[in-house]
Amino acid sequence: MDVKTLLERLDDIAPLRGAEDWDNCGLLLGSPATEVEGIAVALDVTEEVLSEAGRRGCNVVVSHHPPIFAPRKRITPEDPTGRVVIRAVQWDMTLIALHTNWDRAFDGTNVVLARRLGLERTAPLLPSDDGGLFGDGIVGTLPRPVSFDQLCSRVRRSWELPWLLGFPAAGAPGEVTKVALVGGSGADFWPAAAEQGASVFISADIAYHKRQDMLFSGICVCQVDHGDMEALSLDALCATIRDRTGAKAAVVHASRPVSLYGDVVEGSTE
């Protein structure tokens, strides 16, 4: 199988048309004519990931976050992105990104997170007009009502998170039934969660004033790490790639910084 064929199979998994206009998905480095020897699936492309991919006999890296994002005027080893691009060229690595198109896929980031949390009767927060796409975010109900503290514990346990920040809204119901979540930086989607009647919103990179808006509106907030949240979908992506392509594929994790938060913070307010 060549890279051109791989891209066609990946488009069946996470249609490229589903990517945001500001995003940079698809083939970022390499030739469509390259024969695929093996596929490494990663959250980010780093020198460590490239090295491990090569050690495993993979010449293609499919990452969630695009290693080349903003336009660049120069590629030099002094720049972290430039260093990665140079290494990839030197080691003849093909780089492909599935970012917001994977988030919006029917088996993508948000669907995987909801399944692991045990949400039922799920639906997209913002449905897509395209029948080949799931949409943005996801909302669903828990099998039975739980307290907010219990939900925080369930999120951290089921997603295997090193930390979680829980912020209960004043006057919120004592029990949680309906939950909305967006993988990665999803704070802008909280009004859709409110419209769909969710009592808890879970996402990452939530700025102070956005969080305050949610709390004042009566929605409790669970804030987690961006990378920890999205990395949970990599195993599912890798398995789907193996099933759809028949190619050798493996998840490659880069080293992550140790969390300074340590333990879960539940029921906290500012």
Foldseek 3Di string as FASTA:
>chain_A
DFQLVLQVLVCLQQNPVQDDPQWDFFWDDADRRHDWQEEAEEAEQAPQSVVVCVVVRGQEYEHQHDLDHDDDPDQDCVDRSSVSVVVNVVVNHIYGYRYSSQQFAPLHQQVLLCVLLQFPPKAALAADPDPRTRYFWMKGWHPDWDAQQVSLVSSCVSLVAQEKEKEFAPPADRIFTMEIEGAAPDLVSVVSCVVVPGQEYEYEPQDPVSQVVCSPSRHIYMYGHRSSSRVSRRVVVQVSSCVSPVHHYDYDYDDDDDDPVRYYHYHDHD
